[in-house]
Protein backbone atom coordinates (compact mmCIF):
# COMPACT_ATOMS: atom_id res chain seq x y z
CA MET A 1 -4.84 22.14 -3.37
CA PRO A 2 -3.27 20.41 -6.35
CA GLU A 3 -1.52 17.19 -5.52
CA GLY A 4 -3.08 17.17 -2.01
CA VAL A 5 -0.35 19.34 -0.49
CA GLY A 6 -2.62 21.32 1.83
CA ALA A 7 -2.39 25.04 2.48
CA VAL A 8 -1.06 27.52 5.03
CA GLY A 9 -2.16 31.02 5.94
CA ALA A 10 -5.74 32.20 6.32
CA GLY A 11 -7.05 29.02 4.70
CA ALA A 12 -4.78 26.55 6.48
CA TYR A 13 -5.55 22.86 6.17
CA PRO A 14 -3.37 19.75 6.37
CA ALA A 15 -1.93 17.89 3.43
CA LEU A 16 -3.46 14.65 2.24
CA ALA A 17 -0.27 13.81 0.36
CA ARG A 18 2.03 11.46 2.27
CA ASN A 19 0.02 11.96 5.47
CA PRO A 20 0.87 9.29 8.09
CA LYS A 21 -2.41 9.98 9.94
CA LEU A 22 -4.21 8.23 7.09
CA ALA A 23 -2.57 4.91 8.05
CA THR A 24 -5.44 4.22 10.43
CA ALA A 25 -8.56 3.98 8.27
CA GLY A 26 -10.85 5.13 11.08
CA TYR A 27 -9.30 8.60 11.09
CA PRO A 28 -10.24 9.63 7.54
CA LEU A 29 -13.58 7.81 7.83
CA PHE A 30 -14.47 9.94 10.85
CA LEU A 31 -13.34 13.17 9.17
CA VAL A 32 -15.25 12.58 5.95
CA ILE A 33 -18.44 11.63 7.79
CA HIS A 34 -18.37 14.06 10.73
CA GLY A 35 -16.03 16.85 9.60
CA ARG A 36 -13.67 18.76 11.85
CA LYS A 37 -12.72 22.42 12.28
CA GLY A 38 -12.98 23.98 8.79
CA MET A 39 -13.93 20.76 7.03
CA PRO A 40 -17.67 20.28 6.78
CA PRO A 41 -19.28 16.90 7.48
CA PHE A 42 -20.22 14.95 4.37
CA GLY A 43 -21.97 12.07 6.14
CA LYS A 44 -25.46 13.30 5.28
CA LEU A 45 -24.52 13.94 1.64
CA LEU A 46 -22.66 10.72 0.80
CA THR A 47 -23.74 7.10 0.89
CA ASP A 48 -21.63 4.56 2.75
CA GLU A 49 -20.25 3.38 -0.60
CA GLN A 50 -19.26 6.92 -1.57
CA VAL A 51 -17.58 7.57 1.78
CA ALA A 52 -15.58 4.35 1.40
CA ALA A 53 -14.58 5.33 -2.16
CA VAL A 54 -13.32 8.76 -1.04
CA VAL A 55 -11.36 7.31 1.88
CA ASN A 56 -9.87 4.55 -0.26
CA TYR A 57 -8.85 7.10 -2.89
CA ILE A 58 -7.00 9.42 -0.51
CA ARG A 59 -5.33 6.43 1.19
CA THR A 60 -4.00 5.01 -2.10
CA HIS A 61 -3.17 8.17 -4.08
CA LEU A 62 -1.28 11.41 -3.50
CA GLY A 63 1.83 9.56 -2.36
CA ASN A 64 -0.07 7.37 0.09
CA ASP A 65 0.06 3.59 -0.13
CA PHE A 66 -2.13 2.15 2.61
CA PRO A 67 -3.34 -1.17 1.16
CA ASP A 68 -6.11 -2.06 3.63
CA ALA A 69 -9.25 -0.85 1.88
CA VAL A 70 -12.29 0.28 3.82
CA SER A 71 -15.76 -1.00 2.94
CA SER A 72 -19.22 0.47 3.02
CA ASP A 73 -19.73 -1.59 6.20
CA ASP A 74 -16.78 0.27 7.78
CA ALA A 75 -18.34 3.60 6.79
CA ARG A 76 -21.71 2.55 8.21
CA ALA A 77 -20.05 1.57 11.50
CA ALA A 78 -18.28 4.95 11.70
CA ARG A 79 -21.53 6.91 11.51
């Protein structure tokens, strides 16, 4: 959804905006790579560099300000 606010109803999914669960970098790394519930896994589609870029983006935008960036090495280790 726009601005990362999530959705409720038949297509319910959590907000990325101001989400405290993103404080621990391993959580979004795992979700992007392996998926969960309605979110498909992207690990086979994205390189380690791309996974790190996505995770760093959602952790530093949409009202989030988690300064510890993840690296491609972190993504590789999470696979």
